[in-house]
């Protein structure tokens, strides 16, 4: 899928430390990019209060398919969309694009279950977050 299939985008600047000894971004950093685009969206567009909110999202599943290498220096365009929205969970679909390519360097999924901060029991997706997610379905 191309960039247009993802309604939300975030530019993430690559850092020197992201590269490994093989000269490309290490695979563990891709999951960090996923986490960054998702949580930036939830905080800025969904009103998630990561410090004091009663509800938090816990990752219960994630997956990444690597297609092209990413390299420092550069900027990754992280595309995000909501693949499935349930009562207490959401499956995000993510694509990471190099600056010079419309083909994704990586694609993946990430599943959050929303839970109470203190008891860690599933709760319904908060209304403001649900509305934001419906906007990127």
Protein backbone atom coordinates (compact mmCIF):
# COMPACT_ATOMS: atom_id res chain seq x y z
CA UNK A 1 0.00 0.00 0.00
CA UNK A 2 1.14 3.54 -0.63
CA UNK A 3 1.22 6.60 1.65
CA UNK A 4 -2.33 7.57 0.76
CA UNK A 5 -3.69 4.43 2.45
CA UNK A 6 -2.67 5.86 5.83
CA UNK A 7 -4.69 8.90 6.95
CA UNK A 8 -2.32 10.00 9.74
CA UNK A 9 1.40 10.71 9.30
CA UNK A 10 4.26 11.65 11.58
CA UNK A 11 7.78 12.59 10.48
CA UNK A 12 10.40 10.93 12.70
CA UNK A 13 14.01 12.06 12.37
CA UNK A 14 16.46 9.19 12.39
CA UNK A 15 19.30 9.40 14.89
CA UNK A 16 22.92 8.28 14.63
CA UNK A 17 22.31 5.65 17.32
CA UNK A 18 19.49 4.06 15.28
CA UNK A 19 22.02 2.54 12.84
CA UNK A 20 23.69 -0.74 13.70
CA UNK A 21 27.10 -2.08 12.69
CA UNK A 22 25.66 -3.19 9.34
CA UNK A 23 24.96 0.44 8.37
CA UNK A 24 21.17 0.39 8.52
CA UNK A 25 18.55 1.08 11.18
CA UNK A 26 18.40 -1.83 13.61
CA UNK A 27 15.17 -3.84 13.62
CA UNK A 28 14.28 -2.98 17.24
CA UNK A 29 14.03 0.71 16.30
CA UNK A 30 11.13 -0.02 13.92
CA UNK A 31 8.97 -1.00 16.90
CA UNK A 32 9.97 2.25 18.60
CA UNK A 33 8.77 4.16 15.53
CA UNK A 34 5.45 2.26 15.71
CA UNK A 35 5.07 3.14 19.39
CA UNK A 36 5.96 6.78 18.68
CA UNK A 37 3.42 7.39 15.90
CA UNK A 38 0.65 5.63 17.85
CA UNK A 39 1.21 7.37 21.17
CA UNK A 40 1.78 10.78 19.58
CA UNK A 41 -1.60 10.34 17.86
CA UNK A 42 -3.36 9.17 21.04
CA UNK A 43 -1.98 12.06 23.11
CA UNK A 44 -2.43 14.86 20.56
CA UNK A 45 -5.64 13.76 18.84
CA UNK A 46 -7.27 11.43 21.37
CA UNK A 47 -6.55 13.29 24.58
CA UNK A 48 -4.76 10.38 26.26
CA UNK A 49 -3.26 11.55 29.56
CA UNK A 50 -0.23 9.31 29.97
CA UNK A 51 0.67 10.73 33.39
CA UNK A 52 -2.62 10.99 35.28
CA UNK A 53 -5.35 9.37 33.19
CA UNK A 54 -7.41 6.54 34.63
CA UNK A 55 -7.12 4.60 31.35
CA UNK A 56 -3.95 3.42 29.62
CA UNK A 57 -3.28 1.31 26.52
CA UNK A 58 -1.23 -1.88 26.83
CA UNK A 59 0.36 -3.53 23.81
CA UNK A 60 -0.75 -7.15 23.56
CA UNK A 61 0.46 -7.93 20.05
CA UNK A 62 2.83 -6.43 17.49
CA UNK A 63 4.36 -7.50 14.22
CA UNK A 64 6.70 -5.98 11.63
CA UNK A 65 7.55 -6.94 8.07
CA UNK A 66 10.81 -5.44 6.80
CA UNK A 67 10.91 -4.54 3.11
CA UNK A 68 13.67 -1.93 2.56
CA UNK A 69 16.46 -0.69 4.80
CA UNK A 70 16.27 2.65 6.58
CA UNK A 71 19.49 4.57 7.17
CA UNK A 72 20.75 7.56 9.12
CA UNK A 73 20.65 10.40 8.20
CA UNK A 74 17.06 10.70 7.12
CA UNK A 75 13.46 11.12 8.09
CA UNK A 76 10.92 8.33 8.36
CA UNK A 77 7.33 9.12 7.40
CA UNK A 78 5.27 6.95 9.75
CA UNK A 79 1.77 6.32 8.37
CA UNK A 80 -0.99 5.17 10.70
CA UNK A 81 -4.52 3.91 10.32
CA UNK A 82 -7.03 2.08 12.47
CA UNK A 83 -7.46 -1.45 11.13
CA UNK A 84 -10.02 -2.67 13.65
CA UNK A 85 -11.74 -0.95 16.55
CA UNK A 86 -13.35 -3.12 19.21
CA UNK A 87 -14.97 -2.41 22.56
CA UNK A 88 -11.72 -2.26 24.56
CA UNK A 89 -9.08 -2.82 21.89
CA UNK A 90 -7.73 -1.38 18.67
CA UNK A 91 -5.51 -2.83 15.95
CA UNK A 92 -3.35 -0.20 14.33
CA UNK A 93 -1.78 -0.66 10.93
CA UNK A 94 1.48 1.17 10.37
CA UNK A 95 3.78 1.79 7.42
CA UNK A 96 7.23 3.38 7.53
CA UNK A 97 8.30 5.24 4.40
CA UNK A 98 11.73 6.46 3.35
CA UNK A 99 11.92 10.04 2.12
CA UNK A 100 12.74 8.88 -1.42
CA UNK A 101 10.18 6.10 -1.84
CA UNK A 102 6.42 5.69 -1.98
CA UNK A 103 6.83 1.99 -1.20
CA UNK A 104 6.94 1.22 2.51
CA UNK A 105 10.26 0.25 4.06
CA UNK A 106 8.27 -1.68 6.67
CA UNK A 107 4.66 -2.45 7.53
CA UNK A 108 3.22 -3.71 10.74
CA UNK A 109 0.42 -4.03 13.20
CA UNK A 110 0.14 -3.13 16.86
CA UNK A 111 -2.75 -4.01 19.16
CA UNK A 112 -3.65 -2.00 22.25
CA UNK A 113 -6.09 -3.10 24.92
CA UNK A 114 -7.33 -0.20 27.02
CA UNK A 115 -7.28 -0.96 30.74
CA UNK A 116 -7.69 0.77 34.06
CA UNK A 117 -4.37 2.25 35.17
CA UNK A 118 -4.50 0.61 38.60
CA UNK A 119 -6.36 -2.68 38.17
CA UNK A 120 -5.21 -3.46 34.59
CA UNK A 121 -8.70 -4.74 33.73
CA UNK A 122 -10.08 -4.03 30.22
CA UNK A 123 -12.28 -0.94 29.87
CA UNK A 124 -14.12 0.51 26.87
CA UNK A 125 -12.03 2.67 24.55
CA UNK A 126 -12.54 6.22 25.90
CA UNK A 127 -14.96 8.30 23.81
CA UNK A 128 -12.41 10.94 22.74
CA UNK A 129 -9.93 8.28 21.67
CA UNK A 130 -12.65 6.30 19.88
CA UNK A 131 -13.66 9.42 17.93
CA UNK A 132 -10.04 10.08 16.93
CA UNK A 133 -9.55 6.44 15.85
CA UNK A 134 -12.75 6.48 13.81
CA UNK A 135 -11.21 9.41 11.92
CA UNK A 136 -8.32 7.25 10.69
CA UNK A 137 -10.29 4.11 9.82
